[in-house]
């Protein structure tokens, strides 16, 4: 006969799914665990988004690659100076944007962010959606 054992999850082993699920549970004081939702955002970005993102050494390299691979229309980019576009992206990245909820981060990365044509890798983050 097989034996089953209960495994207690510690905060170090909880993934973003488990952390997000804890939002539906009350803590010992009877409060909603909003901190678990923020932890779920951090875990989602660290364990899912970053490992599945294409990275570039510079914004210039990123723009060139996106044009060359057919993700961006060069005629649209050429309406603006490249320096302006790069400065705009830099400004967006310094805004300090952070997803406030796991659902917001999950929805953005599953539905709105630019992905590779096979849908497996992310080509931008929220600040790149200028």
N, C-alpha and C. Protein backbone atom coordinates (compact mmCIF):
# COMPACT_ATOMS: atom_id res chain seq x y z
N UNK A 1 0.84 -1.17 0.00
CA UNK A 1 0.00 0.00 0.00
C UNK A 1 0.89 1.24 0.00
N UNK A 2 0.54 2.20 -0.82
CA UNK A 2 1.33 3.43 -0.91
C UNK A 2 1.10 4.30 0.31
N UNK A 3 2.13 4.99 0.67
CA UNK A 3 2.05 5.91 1.80
C UNK A 3 2.09 7.33 1.28
N UNK A 4 1.26 8.16 1.81
CA UNK A 4 1.29 9.57 1.43
C UNK A 4 1.71 10.39 2.63
N UNK A 5 2.43 11.43 2.34
CA UNK A 5 2.85 12.33 3.41
C UNK A 5 2.48 13.75 3.02
N UNK A 6 2.22 14.53 4.02
CA UNK A 6 1.90 15.94 3.78
C UNK A 6 3.21 16.71 3.73
N UNK A 7 3.31 17.59 2.77
CA UNK A 7 4.50 18.43 2.66
C UNK A 7 4.09 19.86 2.97
N UNK A 8 4.73 20.42 3.94
CA UNK A 8 4.43 21.80 4.33
C UNK A 8 5.26 22.73 3.45
N UNK A 9 4.59 23.62 2.75
CA UNK A 9 5.29 24.57 1.91
C UNK A 9 5.75 25.75 2.74
N UNK A 10 6.98 26.10 2.56
CA UNK A 10 7.48 27.30 3.22
C UNK A 10 7.48 28.43 2.22
N UNK A 11 7.63 29.63 2.69
CA UNK A 11 7.59 30.78 1.80
C UNK A 11 8.68 30.68 0.73
N UNK A 12 9.83 30.08 1.07
CA UNK A 12 10.91 29.95 0.11
C UNK A 12 10.56 29.02 -1.05
N UNK A 13 9.64 28.08 -0.84
CA UNK A 13 9.32 27.12 -1.88
C UNK A 13 8.03 27.44 -2.63
N UNK A 14 7.30 28.45 -2.19
CA UNK A 14 6.03 28.76 -2.85
C UNK A 14 6.27 29.48 -4.17
N UNK A 15 5.62 29.00 -5.20
CA UNK A 15 5.72 29.68 -6.49
C UNK A 15 4.61 30.73 -6.59
N UNK A 16 4.59 31.42 -7.70
CA UNK A 16 3.61 32.50 -7.84
C UNK A 16 2.18 32.01 -7.82
N UNK A 17 1.94 30.77 -8.25
CA UNK A 17 0.57 30.22 -8.20
C UNK A 17 0.11 30.09 -6.74
N UNK A 18 0.98 29.51 -5.91
CA UNK A 18 0.63 29.32 -4.50
C UNK A 18 0.47 30.65 -3.79
N UNK A 19 1.37 31.59 -4.07
CA UNK A 19 1.26 32.91 -3.44
C UNK A 19 -0.02 33.61 -3.85
N UNK A 20 -0.36 33.53 -5.13
CA UNK A 20 -1.59 34.16 -5.60
C UNK A 20 -2.82 33.51 -4.96
N UNK A 21 -2.79 32.20 -4.79
CA UNK A 21 -3.93 31.50 -4.18
C UNK A 21 -4.12 31.93 -2.73
N UNK A 22 -3.04 32.32 -2.07
CA UNK A 22 -3.14 32.74 -0.67
C UNK A 22 -3.89 34.06 -0.51
N UNK A 23 -4.06 34.79 -1.60
CA UNK A 23 -4.84 36.02 -1.55
C UNK A 23 -6.28 35.72 -1.15
N UNK A 24 -6.73 34.51 -1.42
CA UNK A 24 -8.11 34.11 -1.09
C UNK A 24 -8.25 33.58 0.34
N UNK A 25 -7.15 33.52 1.06
CA UNK A 25 -7.16 33.01 2.43
C UNK A 25 -6.89 34.16 3.40
N UNK A 26 -7.53 34.12 4.53
CA UNK A 26 -7.30 35.15 5.55
C UNK A 26 -6.12 34.76 6.43
N UNK A 27 -5.39 35.75 6.91
CA UNK A 27 -4.29 35.46 7.84
C UNK A 27 -4.86 35.20 9.23
N UNK A 28 -3.98 34.98 10.19
CA UNK A 28 -4.43 34.63 11.55
C UNK A 28 -5.23 35.75 12.22
N UNK A 29 -5.08 36.97 11.72
CA UNK A 29 -5.84 38.10 12.27
C UNK A 29 -7.12 38.36 11.49
N UNK A 30 -7.42 37.50 10.52
CA UNK A 30 -8.64 37.65 9.74
C UNK A 30 -8.56 38.65 8.61
N UNK A 31 -7.35 39.01 8.20
CA UNK A 31 -7.18 39.98 7.12
C UNK A 31 -6.80 39.28 5.81
N UNK A 32 -7.17 39.89 4.70
CA UNK A 32 -6.75 39.40 3.38
C UNK A 32 -5.24 39.60 3.27
N UNK A 33 -4.56 38.63 2.71
CA UNK A 33 -3.10 38.66 2.65
C UNK A 33 -2.60 39.37 1.39
N UNK A 34 -2.76 40.68 1.34
CA UNK A 34 -2.35 41.44 0.16
C UNK A 34 -0.85 41.34 -0.09
N UNK A 35 -0.06 41.13 0.95
CA UNK A 35 1.38 40.99 0.76
C UNK A 35 1.70 39.76 -0.08
N UNK A 36 0.88 38.73 -0.01
CA UNK A 36 1.10 37.52 -0.82
C UNK A 36 0.91 37.83 -2.30
N UNK A 37 -0.01 38.73 -2.61
CA UNK A 37 -0.22 39.13 -4.01
C UNK A 37 1.02 39.86 -4.53
N UNK A 38 1.59 40.75 -3.73
CA UNK A 38 2.81 41.45 -4.15
C UNK A 38 3.97 40.47 -4.30
N UNK A 39 4.05 39.50 -3.40
CA UNK A 39 5.09 38.48 -3.51
C UNK A 39 4.88 37.63 -4.76
N UNK A 40 3.63 37.37 -5.11
CA UNK A 40 3.33 36.61 -6.32
C UNK A 40 3.80 37.36 -7.56
N UNK A 41 3.63 38.68 -7.58
CA UNK A 41 4.13 39.49 -8.70
C UNK A 41 5.63 39.32 -8.83
N UNK A 42 6.35 39.49 -7.71
CA UNK A 42 7.81 39.37 -7.74
C UNK A 42 8.24 37.98 -8.20
N UNK A 43 7.58 36.95 -7.69
CA UNK A 43 7.93 35.58 -8.07
C UNK A 43 7.62 35.32 -9.54
N UNK A 44 6.52 35.82 -10.03
CA UNK A 44 6.14 35.66 -11.44
C UNK A 44 7.18 36.30 -12.35
N UNK A 45 7.58 37.52 -12.03
CA UNK A 45 8.58 38.22 -12.85
C UNK A 45 9.90 37.47 -12.79
N UNK A 46 10.33 37.07 -11.59
CA UNK A 46 11.63 36.42 -11.42
C UNK A 46 11.70 35.02 -12.01
N UNK A 47 10.64 34.23 -11.85
CA UNK A 47 10.72 32.82 -12.25
C UNK A 47 10.08 32.51 -13.59
N UNK A 48 9.26 33.42 -14.10
CA UNK A 48 8.63 33.15 -15.39
C UNK A 48 8.99 34.18 -16.45
N UNK A 49 8.81 35.45 -16.14
CA UNK A 49 9.00 36.48 -17.16
C UNK A 49 10.47 36.62 -17.55
N UNK A 50 11.34 36.86 -16.58
CA UNK A 50 12.76 37.08 -16.92
C UNK A 50 13.38 35.89 -17.65
N UNK A 51 13.18 34.66 -17.17
CA UNK A 51 13.78 33.53 -17.89
C UNK A 51 13.23 33.33 -19.30
N UNK A 52 12.04 33.84 -19.56
CA UNK A 52 11.41 33.68 -20.87
C UNK A 52 11.44 34.95 -21.71
N UNK A 53 12.32 35.87 -21.35
CA UNK A 53 12.44 37.13 -22.09
C UNK A 53 13.70 37.13 -22.95
N UNK A 54 13.58 37.67 -24.14
CA UNK A 54 14.75 37.89 -24.99
C UNK A 54 15.40 39.17 -24.49
N UNK A 55 16.70 39.13 -24.26
CA UNK A 55 17.39 40.31 -23.76
C UNK A 55 18.32 40.87 -24.83
N UNK A 56 18.57 42.14 -24.73
CA UNK A 56 19.42 42.85 -25.68
C UNK A 56 20.42 43.69 -24.91
N UNK A 57 21.57 43.95 -25.52
CA UNK A 57 22.60 44.72 -24.83
C UNK A 57 22.29 46.21 -24.80
N UNK A 58 21.42 46.65 -25.69
CA UNK A 58 21.05 48.07 -25.72
C UNK A 58 19.69 48.23 -26.38
N UNK A 59 19.10 49.38 -26.19
CA UNK A 59 17.82 49.67 -26.83
C UNK A 59 17.99 49.75 -28.35
N UNK A 60 19.14 50.26 -28.77
CA UNK A 60 19.44 50.34 -30.21
C UNK A 60 19.46 48.93 -30.81
N UNK A 61 20.14 48.01 -30.15
CA UNK A 61 20.19 46.63 -30.64
C UNK A 61 18.79 46.02 -30.66
N UNK A 62 18.02 46.29 -29.63
CA UNK A 62 16.65 45.76 -29.55
C UNK A 62 15.81 46.26 -30.72
N UNK A 63 15.84 47.56 -30.97
CA UNK A 63 15.05 48.13 -32.06
C UNK A 63 15.48 47.57 -33.41
N UNK A 64 16.79 47.49 -33.63
CA UNK A 64 17.29 46.92 -34.89
C UNK A 64 16.81 45.49 -35.08
N UNK A 65 16.90 44.69 -34.03
CA UNK A 65 16.49 43.29 -34.11
C UNK A 65 14.99 43.19 -34.38
N UNK A 66 14.18 43.98 -33.68
CA UNK A 66 12.73 43.92 -33.87
C UNK A 66 12.34 44.32 -35.28
N UNK A 67 13.03 45.28 -35.86
CA UNK A 67 12.77 45.67 -37.25
C UNK A 67 13.22 44.56 -38.20
N UNK A 68 14.45 44.08 -38.02
CA UNK A 68 15.00 43.06 -38.92
C UNK A 68 14.22 41.76 -38.90
N UNK A 69 13.64 41.43 -37.76
CA UNK A 69 12.88 40.18 -37.63
C UNK A 69 11.40 40.34 -37.96
N UNK A 70 10.97 41.55 -38.29
CA UNK A 70 9.60 41.77 -38.72
C UNK A 70 8.59 42.05 -37.61
N UNK A 71 9.06 42.37 -36.42
CA UNK A 71 8.15 42.68 -35.31
C UNK A 71 7.72 44.14 -35.32
N UNK A 72 8.62 45.04 -35.71
CA UNK A 72 8.33 46.47 -35.80
C UNK A 72 8.39 46.90 -37.25
N UNK A 73 7.57 47.84 -37.62
CA UNK A 73 7.55 48.40 -38.97
C UNK A 73 8.55 49.56 -39.02
N UNK A 74 9.57 49.39 -39.82
CA UNK A 74 10.63 50.40 -39.90
C UNK A 74 10.10 51.75 -40.36
N UNK A 75 9.09 51.76 -41.23
CA UNK A 75 8.56 53.04 -41.71
C UNK A 75 7.92 53.85 -40.58
N UNK A 76 7.38 53.18 -39.60
CA UNK A 76 6.81 53.88 -38.44
C UNK A 76 7.93 54.46 -37.58
N UNK A 77 8.94 53.66 -37.30
CA UNK A 77 10.07 54.14 -36.50
C UNK A 77 10.81 55.28 -37.18
N UNK A 78 10.90 55.24 -38.50
CA UNK A 78 11.65 56.27 -39.23
C UNK A 78 10.98 57.64 -39.21
N UNK A 79 9.77 57.72 -38.72
CA UNK A 79 9.10 59.02 -38.59
C UNK A 79 9.70 59.85 -37.46
N UNK A 80 10.49 59.21 -36.63
CA UNK A 80 11.10 59.86 -35.47
C UNK A 80 12.61 59.61 -35.51
N UNK A 81 13.36 60.52 -34.92
CA UNK A 81 14.80 60.28 -34.85
C UNK A 81 15.04 59.10 -33.91
N UNK A 82 16.05 58.32 -34.21
CA UNK A 82 16.36 57.16 -33.36
C UNK A 82 16.73 57.62 -31.95
N UNK A 83 17.42 58.75 -31.84
CA UNK A 83 17.76 59.28 -30.52
C UNK A 83 16.50 59.58 -29.70
N UNK A 84 15.49 60.16 -30.35
CA UNK A 84 14.23 60.46 -29.66
C UNK A 84 13.58 59.18 -29.15
N UNK A 85 13.53 58.16 -30.00
CA UNK A 85 12.89 56.90 -29.63
C UNK A 85 13.63 56.25 -28.46
N UNK A 86 14.94 56.22 -28.52
CA UNK A 86 15.74 55.62 -27.45
C UNK A 86 15.57 56.40 -26.15
N UNK A 87 15.56 57.73 -26.25
CA UNK A 87 15.35 58.57 -25.07
C UNK A 87 13.96 58.34 -24.48
N UNK A 88 12.97 58.17 -25.33
CA UNK A 88 11.61 57.90 -24.87
C UNK A 88 11.54 56.59 -24.09
N UNK A 89 12.16 55.54 -24.63
CA UNK A 89 12.19 54.26 -23.92
C UNK A 89 12.94 54.40 -22.60
N UNK A 90 14.06 55.12 -22.60
CA UNK A 90 14.84 55.31 -21.37
C UNK A 90 14.00 56.03 -20.32
N UNK A 91 13.27 57.04 -20.74
CA UNK A 91 12.40 57.77 -19.81
C UNK A 91 11.33 56.84 -19.23
N UNK A 92 10.73 56.04 -20.08
CA UNK A 92 9.70 55.09 -19.61
C UNK A 92 10.29 54.10 -18.61
N UNK A 93 11.50 53.65 -18.86
CA UNK A 93 12.13 52.68 -17.96
C UNK A 93 12.51 53.29 -16.61
N UNK A 94 12.73 54.60 -16.57
CA UNK A 94 13.08 55.24 -15.29
C UNK A 94 11.84 55.64 -14.49
N UNK A 95 10.66 55.38 -15.01
CA UNK A 95 9.43 55.77 -14.31
C UNK A 95 9.21 54.97 -13.03
N UNK A 96 9.87 53.82 -12.93
CA UNK A 96 9.73 53.00 -11.73
C UNK A 96 8.44 52.21 -11.67
N UNK A 97 7.82 51.97 -12.83
CA UNK A 97 6.57 51.22 -12.85
C UNK A 97 6.75 49.85 -12.23
N UNK A 98 5.76 49.45 -11.44
CA UNK A 98 5.74 48.12 -10.84
C UNK A 98 4.29 47.66 -10.84
N UNK A 99 4.05 46.43 -11.28
CA UNK A 99 2.69 45.90 -11.23
C UNK A 99 2.23 45.83 -9.78
N UNK A 100 1.03 46.30 -9.53
CA UNK A 100 0.49 46.32 -8.17
C UNK A 100 -0.18 45.01 -7.79
N UNK A 101 -0.58 44.23 -8.80
CA UNK A 101 -1.26 42.96 -8.53
C UNK A 101 -0.73 41.87 -9.45
N UNK A 102 -0.81 40.64 -8.97
CA UNK A 102 -0.41 39.51 -9.80
C UNK A 102 -1.29 39.43 -11.04
N UNK A 103 -2.58 39.64 -10.87
CA UNK A 103 -3.49 39.56 -12.02
C UNK A 103 -3.10 40.57 -13.10
N UNK A 104 -2.71 41.78 -12.70
CA UNK A 104 -2.28 42.79 -13.66
C UNK A 104 -1.05 42.34 -14.43
N UNK A 105 -0.06 41.80 -13.72
CA UNK A 105 1.16 41.33 -14.37
C UNK A 105 0.86 40.15 -15.29
N UNK A 106 0.10 39.20 -14.78
CA UNK A 106 -0.22 38.01 -15.56
C UNK A 106 -0.99 38.38 -16.83
N UNK A 107 -1.97 39.25 -16.70
CA UNK A 107 -2.77 39.66 -17.86
C UNK A 107 -1.91 40.37 -18.89
N UNK A 108 -1.03 41.26 -18.44
CA UNK A 108 -0.16 41.97 -19.37
C UNK A 108 0.71 40.98 -20.15
N UNK A 109 1.37 40.08 -19.44
CA UNK A 109 2.31 39.18 -20.10
C UNK A 109 1.62 38.07 -20.90
N UNK A 110 0.40 37.71 -20.57
CA UNK A 110 -0.28 36.69 -21.37
C UNK A 110 -1.06 37.27 -22.54
N UNK A 111 -1.47 38.53 -22.44
CA UNK A 111 -2.36 39.08 -23.46
C UNK A 111 -1.83 40.26 -24.25
N UNK A 112 -0.99 41.08 -23.66
CA UNK A 112 -0.65 42.34 -24.31
C UNK A 112 0.80 42.50 -24.75
N UNK A 113 1.73 41.90 -24.06
CA UNK A 113 3.13 42.13 -24.39
C UNK A 113 3.50 41.51 -25.74
N UNK A 114 4.47 42.10 -26.39
CA UNK A 114 4.96 41.56 -27.66
C UNK A 114 5.75 40.29 -27.37
N UNK A 115 5.41 39.22 -28.07
CA UNK A 115 6.08 37.94 -27.90
C UNK A 115 6.67 37.50 -29.23
N UNK A 116 7.56 36.53 -29.17
CA UNK A 116 8.08 35.95 -30.39
C UNK A 116 6.92 35.34 -31.17
N UNK A 117 7.12 35.16 -32.45
CA UNK A 117 6.02 34.66 -33.29
C UNK A 117 5.48 33.31 -32.82
N UNK A 118 6.32 32.51 -32.17
CA UNK A 118 5.82 31.23 -31.65
C UNK A 118 5.14 31.38 -30.28
N UNK A 119 5.13 32.60 -29.73
CA UNK A 119 4.45 32.88 -28.48
C UNK A 119 5.18 32.42 -27.23
N UNK A 120 6.43 31.99 -27.36
CA UNK A 120 7.14 31.40 -26.22
C UNK A 120 8.02 32.38 -25.44
N UNK A 121 8.45 33.46 -26.06
CA UNK A 121 9.38 34.38 -25.39
C UNK A 121 8.86 35.80 -25.47
N UNK A 122 9.15 36.56 -24.42
CA UNK A 122 8.72 37.95 -24.35
C UNK A 122 9.77 38.86 -24.98
N UNK A 123 9.30 39.85 -25.73
CA UNK A 123 10.19 40.79 -26.40
C UNK A 123 10.13 42.19 -25.80
N UNK A 124 9.29 42.38 -24.81
CA UNK A 124 9.18 43.69 -24.17
C UNK A 124 8.64 43.52 -22.76
N UNK A 125 8.81 44.59 -22.00
CA UNK A 125 8.17 44.66 -20.70
C UNK A 125 7.20 45.84 -20.72
N UNK A 126 6.61 46.16 -19.59
CA UNK A 126 5.57 47.18 -19.57
C UNK A 126 6.09 48.54 -20.05
N UNK A 127 7.29 48.91 -19.64
CA UNK A 127 7.85 50.20 -20.03
C UNK A 127 8.08 50.29 -21.54
N UNK A 128 8.30 49.16 -22.19
CA UNK A 128 8.51 49.15 -23.64
C UNK A 128 7.21 49.34 -24.42
N UNK A 129 6.08 49.34 -23.74
CA UNK A 129 4.78 49.54 -24.38
C UNK A 129 4.43 51.02 -24.51
N UNK A 130 5.44 51.87 -24.56
CA UNK A 130 5.25 53.34 -24.59
C UNK A 130 4.19 53.72 -25.60
